[in-house]
Amino acid sequence: MTSDDEPGPRPNVLVCMDSAIAARHLDLERLQRSGRLVAVVERYDELPGTDLGEIDVLISGWGTPPLDAAVLALMPRLRAVLHTAGTVKEVVTPALVERGALVTNNVVENADPVAQYTLAALLWSGKRVPWLARGAADLLDPRSRVETVLELSNWRRTIGIIGFSRVGRAVLEALTQPFLTRTMSPELLVADPYADAGRVARAGARLVGLDELLARSDVVSLHAPRTSETIGMIGARELSLMRDGATFINTARGALVDHDALLAECSTGRLSAILDVTSPEPLPPDSPLLSCPGIIITPHVAGSLGSEIDRMADGALDELERLASARPPREPVPLAELGRLA
């Protein structure tokens, strides 16, 4: 850039992602106002090396191959990666971190629909909606509903949020809105070894240890990232701490939970679960998780889908406009902390 007020030449931009997603969700006319579009490809080798050598900015997304050392050697000018999808871990490599390139991600845009799903799951679990829907025909006689209906409530429940992440914070934001505070009066707990108690308190919750959260919550929602520390973090011991009748919700990653242990608890009816993620994903057709009456499984729909991807793509173009006008990025990824990010 020649000065803060005078932008330099538009950066050369390569879009590398699933072509159908790019065609449907990425506004290429808007992109051209801030950068010079070189190509839209699914693989780096679709471009000759001479073109790759001119790339300043990469817009990545679902299906983007990793930026390993061999690819980066062909892209010496690459200085920014603007991600339009979820995690950047499939694209970012140690070689990119070593280069010191800017990486941005639309974590807010992707966290919001997950938080919406979680809020719906929390509310429906209090009324036992998914499970009652399965046996609705058996509940048409009012006399058969009395004992069940007496237990259906979202009033003064204790809600435990594991992970003070973007999604976890968005869920707390929703639960502390005036209408829900007035009509639910929930007690909100957070467990996260990296969270600050004061910041959690300002979000309307109380920071506690994981064991206390599990033992006290009527519903537990998991929002931790998948890291070497969190894989299998919810196992038989942790589930045994949960109170009878509690519900476990997972929109994070399936590998964080011991599914055999969860199946054992839900098969007895002591616990119930709503899972949007599993391991493996999708589950094999004969998986006992699919037939367990206490478990509701949805096919990984909580994150951005459909028109929600438009919002994520627009976020990447916002970052391109900031980059082209020498303004700081809104959502830079702290690559030094990549190991413990989602």
Protein backbone atom coordinates (compact mmCIF):
# COMPACT_ATOMS: atom_id res chain seq x y z
CA MET A 1 0.00 0.00 0.00
CA THR A 2 1.26 3.51 -0.80
CA SER A 3 -0.45 5.07 2.26
CA ASP A 4 -3.31 4.46 4.66
CA ASP A 5 -5.65 6.45 2.42
CA GLU A 6 -4.45 5.30 -1.01
CA PRO A 7 -4.88 1.60 -1.77
CA GLY A 8 -2.39 -0.09 -4.03
CA PRO A 9 -3.08 -2.52 -6.86
CA ARG A 10 -5.87 -5.02 -6.32
CA PRO A 11 -4.51 -8.35 -5.03
CA ASN A 12 -4.60 -11.38 -7.30
CA VAL A 13 -7.14 -13.80 -5.85
CA LEU A 14 -7.49 -17.54 -6.34
CA VAL A 15 -10.70 -19.28 -5.28
CA CYS A 16 -10.01 -22.94 -4.50
CA MET A 17 -12.93 -24.93 -3.09
CA ASP A 18 -15.81 -27.15 -4.11
CA SER A 19 -16.92 -25.63 -7.43
CA ALA A 20 -20.65 -26.10 -6.79
CA ILE A 21 -20.40 -24.25 -3.46
CA ALA A 22 -18.39 -21.44 -5.05
CA ALA A 23 -20.88 -21.07 -7.90
CA ARG A 24 -23.87 -20.97 -5.58
CA HIS A 25 -22.61 -18.91 -2.67
CA LEU A 26 -19.64 -16.72 -3.67
CA ASP A 27 -20.41 -13.31 -5.20
CA LEU A 28 -17.68 -13.11 -7.81
CA GLU A 29 -18.75 -9.66 -9.04
CA ARG A 30 -18.25 -8.31 -5.53
CA LEU A 31 -14.90 -10.11 -5.29
CA GLN A 32 -13.72 -8.36 -8.46
CA ARG A 33 -14.31 -4.96 -6.89
CA SER A 34 -11.60 -5.62 -4.30
CA GLY A 35 -9.35 -8.13 -6.03
CA ARG A 36 -8.47 -9.51 -9.44
CA LEU A 37 -9.96 -12.99 -9.76
CA VAL A 38 -7.42 -15.31 -11.37
CA ALA A 39 -9.48 -18.51 -11.36
CA VAL A 40 -11.98 -20.70 -9.53
CA VAL A 41 -10.56 -24.22 -9.13
CA GLU A 42 -10.90 -27.28 -6.92
CA ARG A 43 -7.20 -28.26 -7.03
CA TYR A 44 -4.09 -26.13 -7.19
CA ASP A 45 -2.68 -28.14 -10.10
CA GLU A 46 -5.52 -26.92 -12.31
CA LEU A 47 -3.47 -23.73 -12.73
CA PRO A 48 -0.04 -23.51 -14.34
CA GLY A 49 2.82 -22.64 -12.05
CA THR A 50 3.19 -19.21 -13.60
CA ASP A 51 -0.34 -18.28 -12.50
CA LEU A 52 0.12 -19.76 -9.04
CA GLY A 53 3.23 -17.65 -8.66
CA GLU A 54 1.13 -14.50 -9.01
CA ILE A 55 -1.46 -15.34 -6.30
CA ASP A 56 -1.62 -12.93 -3.37
CA VAL A 57 -4.81 -14.14 -1.69
CA LEU A 58 -6.52 -17.51 -1.49
CA ILE A 59 -10.24 -17.84 -0.75
CA SER A 60 -10.73 -21.33 0.63
CA GLY A 61 -13.68 -23.38 1.81
CA TRP A 62 -15.12 -26.86 1.77
CA GLY A 63 -12.91 -29.13 -0.32
CA THR A 64 -9.82 -26.92 -0.36
CA PRO A 65 -6.64 -29.06 -0.34
CA PRO A 66 -3.99 -28.38 2.34
CA LEU A 67 -1.46 -25.63 1.72
CA ASP A 68 1.59 -27.81 2.21
CA ALA A 69 5.19 -26.86 1.57
CA ALA A 70 5.14 -28.07 -2.03
CA VAL A 71 2.11 -25.94 -2.89
CA LEU A 72 3.45 -22.92 -1.05
CA ALA A 73 6.70 -23.16 -2.99
CA LEU A 74 4.61 -22.50 -6.12
CA MET A 75 2.84 -19.56 -4.45
CA PRO A 76 5.65 -17.33 -3.14
CA ARG A 77 3.43 -14.22 -3.05
CA LEU A 78 0.59 -15.76 -1.05
CA ARG A 79 0.04 -13.56 1.99
CA ALA A 80 -3.54 -14.23 3.05
CA VAL A 81 -5.99 -17.13 3.25
CA LEU A 82 -9.62 -16.11 3.68
CA HIS A 83 -11.66 -19.15 4.73
CA THR A 84 -15.37 -19.44 3.98
CA ALA A 85 -16.10 -22.76 5.72
CA GLY A 86 -15.76 -24.15 9.25
CA THR A 87 -12.40 -25.19 10.65
CA VAL A 88 -9.22 -24.01 8.93
CA LYS A 89 -7.26 -27.02 10.17
CA GLU A 90 -7.75 -28.95 6.93
CA VAL A 91 -6.11 -26.12 4.96
CA VAL A 92 -3.50 -24.67 7.32
CA THR A 93 -0.20 -26.56 7.60
CA PRO A 94 3.00 -25.89 9.57
CA ALA A 95 4.52 -24.51 6.37
CA LEU A 96 1.79 -21.86 6.15
CA VAL A 97 2.20 -21.00 9.83
CA GLU A 98 5.95 -20.64 9.27
CA ARG A 99 5.34 -18.25 6.37
CA GLY A 100 3.34 -16.01 8.69
CA ALA A 101 0.47 -15.51 6.27
CA LEU A 102 -2.77 -13.98 7.48
CA VAL A 103 -5.57 -16.54 7.93
CA THR A 104 -9.14 -15.47 8.60
CA ASN A 105 -12.21 -17.51 9.38
CA ASN A 106 -15.91 -16.72 9.74
CA VAL A 107 -16.28 -18.23 13.17
CA VAL A 108 -19.13 -15.93 14.19
CA GLU A 109 -21.18 -16.73 11.12
CA ASN A 110 -20.67 -20.47 11.58
CA ALA A 111 -21.23 -20.44 15.33
CA ASP A 112 -24.62 -18.76 15.12
CA PRO A 113 -26.61 -21.57 13.43
CA VAL A 114 -24.99 -24.11 15.77
CA ALA A 115 -26.14 -22.02 18.71
CA GLN A 116 -29.63 -21.82 17.20
CA TYR A 117 -29.77 -25.60 16.89
CA THR A 118 -28.51 -25.98 20.45
CA LEU A 119 -31.11 -23.59 21.83
CA ALA A 120 -33.85 -25.53 20.05
CA ALA A 121 -32.47 -28.83 21.38
CA LEU A 122 -32.34 -27.40 24.91
CA LEU A 123 -35.93 -26.22 24.78
CA TRP A 124 -37.25 -29.37 23.13
CA SER A 125 -35.41 -31.59 25.59
CA GLY A 126 -37.19 -29.88 28.49
CA LYS A 127 -40.54 -30.74 26.93
CA ARG A 128 -39.25 -34.15 25.74
CA VAL A 129 -40.52 -33.22 22.28
CA PRO A 130 -38.35 -35.55 20.13
CA TRP A 131 -39.19 -38.56 22.26
CA LEU A 132 -42.88 -37.78 22.64
CA ALA A 133 -43.13 -37.31 18.87
CA ARG A 134 -42.03 -40.91 18.40
CA GLY A 135 -44.97 -42.16 20.48
CA ALA A 136 -47.52 -39.43 19.83
CA ALA A 137 -50.28 -41.90 18.97
CA ASP A 138 -49.97 -43.46 22.41
CA LEU A 139 -50.53 -40.12 24.12
CA LEU A 140 -53.82 -39.12 22.54
CA ASP A 141 -55.77 -40.32 25.57
CA PRO A 142 -55.41 -37.52 28.16
CA ARG A 143 -55.34 -40.08 30.97
CA SER A 144 -52.11 -41.53 29.55
CA ARG A 145 -50.44 -38.11 29.46
CA VAL A 146 -50.80 -36.95 33.04
CA GLU A 147 -47.69 -38.46 34.58
CA THR A 148 -45.55 -37.55 31.57
CA VAL A 149 -46.79 -33.99 31.25
CA LEU A 150 -46.05 -33.28 34.91
CA GLU A 151 -42.34 -33.68 34.14
CA LEU A 152 -42.28 -31.49 31.04
CA SER A 153 -40.81 -28.09 31.84
CA ASN A 154 -38.09 -25.59 31.00
CA TRP A 155 -38.61 -23.59 34.20
CA ARG A 156 -35.61 -23.16 36.51
CA ARG A 157 -33.52 -25.84 34.88
CA THR A 158 -29.77 -26.00 35.35
CA ILE A 159 -28.02 -25.86 31.98
CA GLY A 160 -24.38 -26.85 31.67
CA ILE A 161 -22.22 -25.58 28.80
CA ILE A 162 -18.95 -27.46 28.28
CA GLY A 163 -16.62 -25.14 26.39
CA PHE A 164 -16.65 -21.33 26.53
CA SER A 165 -16.11 -21.30 22.78
CA ARG A 166 -17.75 -19.11 20.16
CA VAL A 167 -20.71 -21.47 20.07
CA GLY A 168 -20.81 -21.83 23.83
CA ARG A 169 -20.84 -18.06 24.25
CA ALA A 170 -23.53 -17.68 21.59
CA VAL A 171 -25.72 -20.21 23.41
CA LEU A 172 -25.27 -18.23 26.63
CA GLU A 173 -26.13 -15.03 24.78
CA ALA A 174 -29.40 -16.60 23.65
CA LEU A 175 -30.24 -17.99 27.08
CA THR A 176 -29.68 -14.63 28.76
CA GLN A 177 -32.04 -12.69 26.51
CA PRO A 178 -34.85 -11.05 28.53
CA PHE A 179 -37.64 -13.30 27.27
CA LEU A 180 -35.83 -16.54 28.08
CA THR A 181 -34.53 -15.20 31.38
CA ARG A 182 -38.07 -14.26 32.38
CA THR A 183 -39.76 -17.42 31.15
CA MET A 184 -37.08 -19.98 32.08
CA SER A 185 -35.07 -18.51 34.97
CA PRO A 186 -32.22 -20.92 34.21
CA GLU A 187 -29.08 -21.51 36.22
CA LEU A 188 -26.18 -21.45 33.75
CA LEU A 189 -22.91 -23.26 34.38
CA VAL A 190 -19.75 -23.33 32.25
CA ALA A 191 -16.82 -25.74 32.39
CA ASP A 192 -13.69 -24.77 30.46
CA PRO A 193 -10.09 -24.98 31.75
CA TYR A 194 -9.07 -21.99 29.62
CA ALA A 195 -11.98 -19.68 30.48
CA ASP A 196 -11.77 -16.64 32.74
CA ALA A 197 -14.29 -16.68 35.59
CA GLY A 198 -14.97 -12.96 35.27
CA ARG A 199 -15.68 -13.19 31.58
CA VAL A 200 -17.98 -16.16 32.15
CA ALA A 201 -19.81 -14.20 34.86
CA ARG A 202 -20.31 -11.27 32.49
CA ALA A 203 -21.86 -13.74 30.03
CA GLY A 204 -24.42 -14.63 32.69
CA ALA A 205 -23.02 -17.96 33.86
CA ARG A 206 -20.79 -19.39 36.58
CA LEU A 207 -17.50 -21.15 35.88
CA VAL A 208 -17.27 -24.54 37.61
CA GLY A 209 -15.31 -27.75 37.24
CA LEU A 210 -16.48 -30.34 34.76
CA ASP A 211 -17.51 -32.82 37.44
CA GLU A 212 -19.68 -30.27 39.22
CA LEU A 213 -21.31 -29.20 35.97
CA LEU A 214 -22.16 -32.79 35.06
CA ALA A 215 -23.55 -33.58 38.49
CA ARG A 216 -25.75 -30.49 38.77
CA SER A 217 -27.11 -29.97 35.24
CA ASP A 218 -30.50 -31.03 33.92
CA VAL A 219 -29.12 -30.69 30.40
CA VAL A 220 -25.49 -30.65 29.29
CA SER A 221 -24.39 -29.22 25.93
CA LEU A 222 -20.91 -29.91 24.57
CA HIS A 223 -19.07 -27.13 22.70
CA ALA A 224 -15.39 -27.99 23.08
CA PRO A 225 -13.00 -28.25 20.10
CA ARG A 226 -11.54 -31.54 18.97
CA THR A 227 -7.94 -31.62 20.18
CA SER A 228 -5.61 -34.24 21.58
CA GLU A 229 -6.80 -33.19 25.05
CA THR A 230 -10.53 -33.42 24.38
CA ILE A 231 -10.87 -36.67 22.42
CA GLY A 232 -12.86 -39.02 24.65
CA MET A 233 -13.32 -36.36 27.32
CA ILE A 234 -16.88 -37.56 28.02
CA GLY A 235 -16.66 -41.22 29.00
CA ALA A 236 -18.31 -43.66 31.38
CA ARG A 237 -17.07 -41.87 34.50
CA GLU A 238 -18.28 -38.47 33.34
CA LEU A 239 -21.67 -39.76 32.21
CA SER A 240 -22.15 -41.57 35.52
CA LEU A 241 -21.97 -38.20 37.27
CA MET A 242 -25.00 -36.86 35.41
CA ARG A 243 -28.26 -36.81 37.33
CA ASP A 244 -31.05 -39.23 36.48
CA GLY A 245 -33.25 -37.93 33.66
CA ALA A 246 -30.65 -35.49 32.33
CA THR A 247 -30.10 -34.87 28.63
CA PHE A 248 -26.73 -34.72 26.86
CA ILE A 249 -26.41 -32.66 23.65
CA ASN A 250 -23.42 -32.82 21.30
CA THR A 251 -22.95 -30.41 18.40
CA ALA A 252 -19.14 -30.35 18.71
CA ARG A 253 -17.41 -33.50 17.43
CA GLY A 254 -18.33 -37.14 17.88
CA ALA A 255 -14.82 -38.17 18.92
CA LEU A 256 -15.15 -36.21 22.16
CA VAL A 257 -17.66 -38.75 23.50
CA ASP A 258 -17.39 -42.46 24.29
CA HIS A 259 -20.42 -43.68 22.36
CA ASP A 260 -20.44 -47.10 23.99
CA ALA A 261 -20.69 -45.47 27.41
CA LEU A 262 -23.39 -43.08 26.21
CA LEU A 263 -25.34 -45.96 24.68
CA ALA A 264 -25.19 -47.88 27.97
CA GLU A 265 -26.64 -44.93 29.91
CA CYS A 266 -29.32 -44.08 27.36
CA SER A 267 -30.39 -47.71 26.84
CA THR A 268 -31.46 -47.93 30.48
CA GLY A 269 -33.47 -44.71 30.21
CA ARG A 270 -31.37 -43.01 32.89
CA LEU A 271 -30.06 -40.43 30.41
CA SER A 272 -31.15 -39.20 27.01
CA ALA A 273 -29.11 -37.63 24.24
CA ILE A 274 -29.42 -35.44 21.16
CA LEU A 275 -26.45 -35.91 18.82
CA ASP A 276 -25.78 -33.89 15.68
CA VAL A 277 -22.26 -35.34 15.40
CA THR A 278 -21.01 -38.90 15.78
CA SER A 279 -17.87 -40.94 15.27
CA PRO A 280 -17.76 -42.31 12.66
CA GLU A 281 -19.89 -39.99 10.59
CA PRO A 282 -22.22 -41.08 9.17
CA LEU A 283 -22.89 -44.06 11.41
CA PRO A 284 -23.15 -47.51 9.82
CA PRO A 285 -26.79 -48.57 9.32
CA ASP A 286 -26.52 -51.25 12.00
CA SER A 287 -25.16 -48.90 14.67
CA PRO A 288 -27.06 -49.46 17.95
CA LEU A 289 -27.04 -45.69 18.48
CA LEU A 290 -29.59 -45.38 15.68
CA SER A 291 -32.07 -47.74 17.32
CA CYS A 292 -31.64 -46.64 20.94
CA PRO A 293 -34.95 -45.11 22.13
CA GLY A 294 -33.16 -42.62 24.33
CA ILE A 295 -30.98 -41.13 21.59
CA ILE A 296 -32.02 -38.66 18.89
CA ILE A 297 -29.55 -38.33 16.00
CA THR A 298 -29.58 -35.63 13.33
CA PRO A 299 -27.22 -35.76 10.32
CA HIS A 300 -24.75 -32.96 11.18
CA VAL A 301 -27.11 -30.13 10.26
CA ALA A 302 -26.35 -27.66 13.07
CA GLY A 303 -23.60 -25.79 11.20
CA SER A 304 -23.98 -23.50 8.22
CA LEU A 305 -25.98 -24.97 5.36
CA GLY A 306 -27.95 -23.58 2.40
CA SER A 307 -28.33 -19.82 2.48
CA GLU A 308 -26.32 -19.70 5.72
CA ILE A 309 -23.23 -20.39 3.58
CA ASP A 310 -23.94 -17.11 1.75
CA ARG A 311 -23.28 -15.35 5.04
CA MET A 312 -19.94 -17.12 5.48
CA ALA A 313 -18.87 -16.35 1.89
CA ASP A 314 -19.85 -12.71 2.35
CA GLY A 315 -17.72 -12.67 5.50
CA ALA A 316 -14.67 -13.74 3.50
CA LEU A 317 -15.34 -11.00 0.95
CA ASP A 318 -15.63 -8.50 3.81
CA GLU A 319 -12.13 -9.57 4.83
CA LEU A 320 -10.90 -9.15 1.25
CA GLU A 321 -12.22 -5.60 1.22
CA ARG A 322 -10.42 -4.89 4.49
CA LEU A 323 -7.21 -6.39 3.13
CA ALA A 324 -7.41 -4.42 -0.12
CA SER A 325 -7.94 -1.15 1.77
CA ALA A 326 -5.18 -1.84 4.35
CA ARG A 327 -7.64 -2.22 7.24
CA PRO A 328 -7.09 -4.83 9.96
CA PRO A 329 -8.99 -8.12 9.59
CA ARG A 330 -12.09 -8.75 11.68
CA GLU A 331 -11.46 -12.43 12.44
CA PRO A 332 -7.77 -13.35 12.19
CA VAL A 333 -7.02 -16.91 13.24
CA PRO A 334 -4.42 -17.00 16.04
CA LEU A 335 -2.22 -19.62 14.39
CA ALA A 336 -0.05 -19.95 17.50
CA GLU A 337 -3.14 -21.34 19.30
CA LEU A 338 -4.32 -23.53 16.43
CA GLY A 339 -3.79 -26.72 18.43
CA ARG A 340 -6.59 -25.90 20.85
CA LEU A 341 -8.99 -24.23 18.43
CA ALA A 342 -12.00 -25.90 16.83
